C-alpha cells in the first residue's frame, strides 16, 4: 500500500510539470481470471492491466507466472516504446533482467525508482545480491531515491537524480485531533514483520504508557500474524493501562482521515537491521502529512534528511525510551508538519523538472 501511495504521488507530480503517464501493472494473477483492461486514474494518468490468470496453489503455476510476467512485459516494452523515450521503473528483483534487455534493444531512457536494496532485507544469495547491485548501478540513466544515503551507495557515477522521501500529500484543513475520551492517540501503521521489529517496539512501549494513551494499529500481514496480534491485544487489555486497538487496513482518504484523528506517529523499526541504511520509513511522511508528531529512532536516513529538526528522537532502542519520548511531547507548542510536506513537494517538483524527463 505504501508503494502504491508513493507511485500515485510521483505520477501526480509528473502530471503537474506537464507529463502524461501510463502505468503498466506487472500483476498478472488474481483470485479469478480477469480480462486485460485500461483504467483512467486521472486526466493525465492511466493504468494498463494485462490479462490475469486465476491463482493456483502450485509451485509449477507460480514459476510459469514469473516467466509469463517477464515475457509479457518484455514484449510490451519492445513494441510500445521508442528510442529516447523515458520509462520509469519501480525496482523489482523479478523484472530487472527483462527490463535491462528491453532497454538494450530499444534504447529508451530508464528512470529507476530504487526504494531499497532488497538483498539487505532478505539476502537471497551472493549471486542475487551481485546481480541486483549491477542492475541498480549500471542500467539506469537517472534515478529517484528515497534517501541521500541510498543515493551515495548506488549512484556512484553521479547520474541525474531526485530525492523523494514519500508521498508529499497534505491537507491544510485537517480535522480536530481529539479522542472522544480525551486520550492521546498514538498510531503505528505498517508491517507486522518481526524482522523489521516496528510493531513489537510499539507494543512493548505501550506497557509504559498509562490510561491517558491509546495505541492505534493499522496494517496487515499474514493471517497468522494478524491472529497473533488479536490474541496479544486480548491478553494485554486486561492488565495494561494503555488501550491497544487494531483497526485493520485503511486506504486513501480513509487512511488519512484515520491518521488525522491521531496525535503521535511511531516509527519504531529495529535500528540495527541493515536495511535502515538504504530504505526510508515512508510512514514518517504519512504521519507528518496528517500533522502528527513523529517519534522515531535516530537512524541515519532520518538524521541526514530535511526532517531532522521536526522529528522527536528517542535515545535508546528500548520500550521505556520510546514511551518517555511520547510522554515528553508538549502538545501545546505550535506545530505544523503539513507545511514541511508542502515545502518538500515544491522542492521535488523542481528536481523532476531538472531531470528533463
Protein backbone atom coordinates (compact mmCIF):
# COMPACT_ATOMS: atom_id res chain seq x y z
CA UNK A 1 0.00 0.00 0.00
CA UNK A 2 2.86 2.38 0.82
CA UNK A 3 4.42 1.69 -2.60
CA UNK A 4 1.16 2.33 -4.45
CA UNK A 5 0.61 5.54 -2.49
CA UNK A 6 4.07 6.84 -3.40
CA UNK A 7 3.74 5.90 -7.08
CA UNK A 8 0.39 7.72 -7.29
CA UNK A 9 2.05 10.81 -5.82
CA UNK A 10 5.00 10.66 -8.25
CA UNK A 11 2.57 10.37 -11.16
CA UNK A 12 0.69 13.40 -9.86
CA UNK A 13 3.95 15.36 -9.60
CA UNK A 14 4.85 14.39 -13.19
CA UNK A 15 1.39 15.49 -14.34
CA UNK A 16 1.89 18.85 -12.65
CA UNK A 17 5.03 19.51 -14.72
CA UNK A 18 3.16 18.63 -17.92
CA UNK A 19 3.99 14.93 -18.36
CA UNK A 20 1.33 12.31 -19.10
CA UNK A 21 1.88 8.89 -17.52
CA UNK A 22 0.85 5.38 -18.50
CA UNK A 23 1.37 2.93 -15.63
CA UNK A 24 1.99 -0.67 -16.65
CA UNK A 25 0.81 -3.09 -13.96
CA UNK A 26 3.01 -6.18 -13.74
CA UNK A 27 0.49 -8.03 -11.56
CA UNK A 28 -0.90 -10.89 -13.63
CA UNK A 29 -2.59 -13.17 -11.10
CA UNK A 30 -5.84 -12.75 -9.18
CA UNK A 31 -8.35 -15.00 -7.37
CA UNK A 32 -10.20 -15.27 -10.71
CA UNK A 33 -9.24 -14.71 -14.34
CA UNK A 34 -9.79 -11.06 -15.40
CA UNK A 35 -9.60 -9.69 -18.96
CA UNK A 36 -6.99 -7.09 -19.88
CA UNK A 37 -8.18 -3.52 -19.35
CA UNK A 38 -7.10 0.12 -19.08
CA UNK A 39 -8.23 2.29 -16.16
CA UNK A 40 -8.12 6.09 -16.29
CA UNK A 41 -6.90 7.30 -12.88
CA UNK A 42 -6.99 10.96 -13.84
CA UNK A 43 -7.00 13.14 -16.94
CA UNK A 44 -3.26 12.58 -17.43
CA UNK A 45 -2.58 9.17 -15.82
CA UNK A 46 -3.86 5.73 -16.84
CA UNK A 47 -3.11 2.15 -15.74
CA UNK A 48 -2.82 -0.78 -18.14
CA UNK A 49 -3.61 -4.20 -16.66
CA UNK A 50 -2.69 -7.35 -18.57
CA UNK A 51 -4.97 -10.38 -18.55
CA UNK A 52 -4.76 -12.16 -15.22
CA UNK A 53 -4.76 -15.89 -14.54
CA UNK A 54 -6.72 -17.46 -11.71
CA UNK A 55 -4.37 -18.24 -8.80
CA UNK A 56 -3.42 -21.84 -8.07
CA UNK A 57 -1.54 -23.23 -5.09
CA UNK A 58 1.11 -24.88 -7.25
CA UNK A 59 4.86 -24.28 -7.47
CA UNK A 60 4.78 -25.02 -11.20
CA UNK A 61 1.98 -22.47 -11.70
CA UNK A 62 3.92 -19.81 -9.76
CA UNK A 63 7.07 -20.48 -11.79
CA UNK A 64 5.10 -20.19 -15.04
CA UNK A 65 3.58 -16.90 -13.89
CA UNK A 66 7.04 -15.42 -13.24
CA UNK A 67 8.09 -16.47 -16.75
CA UNK A 68 4.84 -15.17 -18.26
CA UNK A 69 5.15 -11.88 -16.41
CA UNK A 70 8.65 -11.27 -17.75
CA UNK A 71 7.78 -12.28 -21.30
CA UNK A 72 4.65 -10.13 -21.35
CA UNK A 73 6.46 -7.09 -20.01
CA UNK A 74 9.45 -7.61 -22.32
CA UNK A 75 7.35 -7.77 -25.49
CA UNK A 76 5.17 -4.86 -24.38
CA UNK A 77 8.29 -2.69 -23.96
CA UNK A 78 9.65 -3.94 -27.26
CA UNK A 79 6.57 -2.95 -29.26
CA UNK A 80 5.31 0.09 -27.34
CA UNK A 81 8.40 2.19 -26.56
CA UNK A 82 10.55 4.44 -28.71
CA UNK A 83 14.26 5.23 -28.67
CA UNK A 84 14.92 8.12 -26.29
CA UNK A 85 11.54 7.81 -24.56
CA UNK A 86 11.61 7.79 -20.74
CA UNK A 87 10.46 4.62 -19.00
CA UNK A 88 10.22 4.87 -15.21
CA UNK A 89 10.66 1.58 -13.37
CA UNK A 90 9.93 0.68 -9.77
CA UNK A 91 12.88 -1.55 -8.82
CA UNK A 92 11.98 -5.25 -8.65
CA UNK A 93 14.18 -8.33 -8.47
CA UNK A 94 11.74 -10.30 -10.64
CA UNK A 95 11.59 -7.83 -13.54
CA UNK A 96 15.09 -6.38 -13.71
CA UNK A 97 16.55 -8.77 -16.31
CA UNK A 98 13.76 -8.37 -18.86
CA UNK A 99 13.78 -4.58 -18.43
CA UNK A 100 17.55 -4.44 -18.89
CA UNK A 101 17.34 -6.49 -22.09
CA UNK A 102 14.46 -4.43 -23.48
CA UNK A 103 16.41 -1.23 -22.81
CA UNK A 104 19.45 -2.54 -24.71
CA UNK A 105 17.31 -3.39 -27.74
CA UNK A 106 15.01 -0.34 -27.81
CA UNK A 107 17.29 2.35 -26.39
CA UNK A 108 14.74 4.02 -24.11
CA UNK A 109 15.92 6.14 -21.17
CA UNK A 110 15.46 4.43 -17.81
CA UNK A 111 14.36 6.41 -14.77
CA UNK A 112 14.83 3.94 -11.93
CA UNK A 113 12.96 4.35 -8.68
CA UNK A 114 15.13 2.46 -6.20
CA UNK A 115 13.41 2.29 -2.83
CA UNK A 116 15.89 -0.09 -1.21
CA UNK A 117 18.43 -2.82 -1.81
CA UNK A 118 16.21 -5.88 -1.42
CA UNK A 119 19.12 -8.18 -0.59
CA UNK A 120 19.72 -6.02 2.50
CA UNK A 121 16.32 -7.12 3.80
CA UNK A 122 16.29 -10.73 2.64
CA UNK A 123 19.57 -11.86 1.10
CA UNK A 124 18.62 -14.49 -1.45
CA UNK A 125 22.20 -15.40 -2.40
CA UNK A 126 25.53 -13.75 -3.16
CA UNK A 127 24.75 -14.09 -6.86
CA UNK A 128 21.38 -12.37 -6.37
CA UNK A 129 22.99 -9.50 -4.49
CA UNK A 130 25.66 -9.07 -7.17
CA UNK A 131 23.06 -9.07 -9.96
CA UNK A 132 20.87 -6.60 -8.09
CA UNK A 133 23.73 -4.17 -7.47
CA UNK A 134 24.88 -4.40 -11.11
CA UNK A 135 21.36 -3.58 -12.32
CA UNK A 136 20.99 -0.70 -9.86
CA UNK A 137 24.32 0.89 -10.74
CA UNK A 138 24.61 0.37 -14.48
CA UNK A 139 21.17 0.07 -16.08
CA UNK A 140 19.61 3.42 -15.12
CA UNK A 141 20.09 6.75 -16.89
CA UNK A 142 18.63 8.67 -13.93
CA UNK A 143 17.22 7.89 -10.52
CA UNK A 144 14.56 8.54 -7.93
CA UNK A 145 15.87 7.74 -4.43
CA UNK A 146 14.14 7.84 -1.02
CA UNK A 147 17.34 8.86 0.80
CA UNK A 148 20.70 10.51 0.21
CA UNK A 149 22.31 7.51 1.92
CA UNK A 150 20.98 5.11 -0.73
CA UNK A 151 21.97 7.55 -3.48
CA UNK A 152 25.56 7.52 -2.20
CA UNK A 153 25.67 3.72 -2.33
CA UNK A 154 24.15 3.29 -5.80
CA UNK A 155 24.70 6.44 -7.86
CA UNK A 156 28.49 6.35 -7.78
CA UNK A 157 28.60 7.57 -11.40
CA UNK A 158 26.80 10.79 -10.42
CA UNK A 159 23.93 10.39 -12.89
CA UNK A 160 20.95 12.80 -12.64
CA UNK A 161 18.81 12.06 -9.59
CA UNK A 162 15.96 13.33 -7.44
CA UNK A 163 15.21 12.57 -3.79
CA UNK A 164 11.64 11.86 -2.68
CA UNK A 165 11.07 10.52 0.84
CA UNK A 166 7.43 9.58 0.30
CA UNK A 167 4.07 10.86 -0.90
CA UNK A 168 4.08 14.61 -0.16
CA UNK A 169 0.31 14.92 0.08
CA UNK A 170 -1.24 17.03 2.81
CA UNK A 171 -4.47 18.62 3.96
CA UNK A 172 -4.18 22.12 5.38
CA UNK A 173 -7.69 21.86 6.86
CA UNK A 174 -7.20 18.76 8.99
CA UNK A 175 -9.94 17.70 11.42
CA UNK A 176 -9.52 18.41 15.10
CA UNK A 177 -7.34 15.86 16.84
CA UNK A 178 -9.14 14.55 19.85
CA UNK A 179 -10.13 11.14 21.02
CA UNK A 180 -13.76 11.23 22.24
CA UNK A 181 -12.45 10.16 25.66
CA UNK A 182 -9.72 12.82 25.70
CA UNK A 183 -6.89 10.31 25.31
CA UNK A 184 -3.70 10.81 23.30
CA UNK A 185 -3.89 8.56 20.26
CA UNK A 186 -0.55 7.01 19.26
CA UNK A 187 -0.53 5.46 15.77
CA UNK A 188 1.54 2.59 14.45
CA UNK A 189 0.98 1.75 10.78
CA UNK A 190 2.73 -0.70 8.50
CA UNK A 191 4.38 -4.08 8.55
CA UNK A 192 3.95 -6.73 11.24
CA UNK A 193 7.19 -8.38 10.02
CA UNK A 194 9.27 -9.40 13.08
CA UNK A 195 12.44 -8.86 11.02
CA UNK A 196 11.64 -5.16 10.90
CA UNK A 197 10.58 -5.02 14.53
CA UNK A 198 8.35 -1.96 14.31
CA UNK A 199 5.16 -3.48 15.70
CA UNK A 200 6.98 -5.22 18.54
CA UNK A 201 8.60 -1.92 19.56
CA UNK A 202 5.23 -0.15 19.61
CA UNK A 203 3.53 -2.90 21.63
CA UNK A 204 6.31 -3.06 24.19
CA UNK A 205 6.35 0.74 24.57
CA UNK A 206 2.60 0.69 25.28
CA UNK A 207 3.31 -1.18 28.53
CA UNK A 208 4.96 2.01 29.83
CA UNK A 209 2.03 4.29 28.93
CA UNK A 210 -0.92 4.96 31.24
CA UNK A 211 -4.64 5.24 30.64
CA UNK A 212 -4.27 8.67 29.03
CA UNK A 213 -2.92 6.96 25.89
CA UNK A 214 -4.33 4.67 23.23
CA UNK A 215 -2.12 2.73 20.78
CA UNK A 216 -3.92 2.53 17.41
CA UNK A 217 -2.61 -0.02 14.91
CA UNK A 218 -3.25 -0.14 11.17
CA UNK A 219 -1.85 -2.64 8.69
CA UNK A 220 -1.99 -6.18 7.54
CA UNK A 221 0.20 -9.24 7.19
CA UNK A 222 -0.20 -13.00 7.09
CA UNK A 223 -3.36 -14.39 8.73
CA UNK A 224 -1.14 -15.96 11.40
CA UNK A 225 0.47 -12.64 12.36
CA UNK A 226 -2.89 -10.84 12.42
CA UNK A 227 -4.31 -13.58 14.65
CA UNK A 228 -1.27 -13.31 16.94
CA UNK A 229 -1.83 -9.55 17.25
CA UNK A 230 -5.52 -10.02 18.08
CA UNK A 231 -4.60 -12.54 20.77
CA UNK A 232 -1.93 -10.21 22.21
CA UNK A 233 -4.43 -7.35 22.43
CA UNK A 234 -6.99 -9.57 24.14
CA UNK A 235 -4.47 -10.73 26.74
CA UNK A 236 -2.99 -7.31 27.48
CA UNK A 237 -6.26 -5.39 27.55
CA UNK A 238 -6.92 -6.99 30.92
CA UNK A 239 -3.69 -5.86 32.55
CA UNK A 240 -2.23 -2.81 30.73
CA UNK A 241 -3.44 0.74 31.38
CA UNK A 242 -2.85 1.91 27.81
CA UNK A 243 -5.57 0.67 25.47
CA UNK A 244 -4.34 -1.16 22.36
CA UNK A 245 -6.63 -1.44 19.35
CA UNK A 246 -6.18 -2.95 15.90
CA UNK A 247 -8.32 -1.25 13.26
CA UNK A 248 -7.37 -3.34 10.23
CA UNK A 249 -6.47 -1.84 6.86
CA UNK A 250 -7.45 1.60 5.61
CA UNK A 251 -6.64 3.12 2.24
CA UNK A 252 -6.72 6.51 0.58
CA UNK A 253 -8.90 9.09 2.31
CA UNK A 254 -9.98 6.59 4.98
CA UNK A 255 -6.30 6.17 5.90
CA UNK A 256 -5.52 9.90 6.07
CA UNK A 257 -8.76 10.65 7.95
CA UNK A 258 -7.82 8.00 10.49
CA UNK A 259 -4.31 9.42 10.98
CA UNK A 260 -5.63 12.97 11.15
CA UNK A 261 -7.51 11.99 14.30
CA UNK A 262 -4.31 10.72 15.95
CA UNK A 263 -1.71 12.75 17.82
CA UNK A 264 1.55 10.79 17.55
CA UNK A 265 3.01 8.51 14.88
CA UNK A 266 5.56 5.81 15.69
CA UNK A 267 8.48 4.67 13.52
CA UNK A 268 9.95 2.01 15.80
CA UNK A 269 11.65 -0.47 13.46
CA UNK A 270 14.81 -2.30 14.52
CA UNK A 271 17.66 0.25 14.15
CA UNK A 272 20.32 -2.47 13.86
CA UNK A 273 18.84 -4.01 10.68
CA UNK A 274 20.99 -3.47 7.58
CA UNK A 275 18.06 -2.14 5.51
CA UNK A 276 17.93 1.01 7.66
CA UNK A 277 20.95 2.36 5.80
CA UNK A 278 19.20 2.24 2.45
CA UNK A 279 15.40 2.44 2.90
CA UNK A 280 13.29 5.34 4.16
CA UNK A 281 10.37 4.66 6.54
CA UNK A 282 7.60 6.09 4.33
CA UNK A 283 5.14 6.10 7.22
CA UNK A 284 7.04 9.12 8.60
CA UNK A 285 5.86 11.21 5.63
CA UNK A 286 2.27 9.99 6.07
CA UNK A 287 2.37 10.99 9.74
CA UNK A 288 3.74 14.47 9.01
CA UNK A 289 1.23 14.98 6.20
CA UNK A 290 -1.55 14.44 8.74
CA UNK A 291 0.15 16.76 11.25
CA UNK A 292 1.19 14.09 13.75
CA UNK A 293 4.22 14.46 15.97
CA UNK A 294 6.60 11.68 14.90
CA UNK A 295 8.60 9.59 17.37
CA UNK A 296 11.47 7.67 15.77
CA UNK A 297 14.91 6.21 16.43
CA UNK A 298 17.69 8.44 15.00
CA UNK A 299 18.74 6.23 12.08
CA UNK A 300 20.98 7.98 9.57
CA UNK A 301 18.39 8.23 6.77
CA UNK A 302 16.29 10.38 9.13
CA UNK A 303 19.02 12.45 10.78
CA UNK A 304 20.56 13.24 7.36
CA UNK A 305 17.19 14.27 5.93
CA UNK A 306 15.37 17.59 5.86
CA UNK A 307 13.06 16.20 8.54
CA UNK A 308 15.74 16.02 11.22
CA UNK A 309 14.69 19.14 13.16
CA UNK A 310 10.99 18.19 13.10
CA UNK A 311 11.14 14.60 14.35
CA UNK A 312 11.24 13.51 18.00
CA UNK A 313 14.03 11.00 18.51
CA UNK A 314 14.39 8.55 21.38
CA UNK A 315 17.92 7.87 22.58
CA UNK A 316 17.93 4.15 23.35
CA UNK A 317 16.19 1.38 21.48
CA UNK A 318 14.17 0.31 24.50
CA UNK A 319 10.40 0.34 25.17
CA UNK A 320 10.90 2.69 28.13
CA UNK A 321 12.85 5.18 25.99
CA UNK A 322 10.15 5.13 23.29
CA UNK A 323 7.46 5.72 25.91
CA UNK A 324 9.47 8.56 27.50
CA UNK A 325 9.71 10.30 24.12
CA UNK A 326 5.93 10.04 23.71
CA UNK A 327 5.23 11.29 27.24
CA UNK A 328 7.66 14.20 26.78
CA UNK A 329 5.74 15.77 23.88
CA UNK A 330 4.36 19.25 24.56
CA UNK A 331 1.06 19.30 22.68
CA UNK A 332 0.54 22.99 23.49
CA UNK A 333 3.59 24.03 21.45
CA UNK A 334 2.95 25.30 17.88
CA UNK A 335 3.33 22.55 15.28
CA UNK A 336 2.72 22.33 11.53
CA UNK A 337 4.04 19.16 9.90
CA UNK A 338 1.92 19.81 6.79
CA UNK A 339 3.90 22.98 5.97
CA UNK A 340 7.12 20.95 5.84
CA UNK A 341 5.46 18.48 3.47
CA UNK A 342 4.31 21.38 1.25
CA UNK A 343 7.90 22.61 1.08
CA UNK A 344 9.20 19.15 0.17
CA UNK A 345 6.54 18.87 -2.54
CA UNK A 346 7.67 22.12 -4.15
CA UNK A 347 11.31 21.02 -3.98
CA UNK A 348 10.60 17.63 -5.58
CA UNK A 349 8.71 19.26 -8.44
CA UNK A 350 11.80 21.37 -9.22
CA UNK A 351 14.03 18.28 -9.07
CA UNK A 352 11.79 16.45 -11.56
CA UNK A 353 11.94 19.39 -13.95
CA UNK A 354 15.75 19.34 -13.70
CA UNK A 355 15.81 15.67 -14.79
CA UNK A 356 14.36 16.73 -18.18
CA UNK A 357 12.22 13.64 -18.44
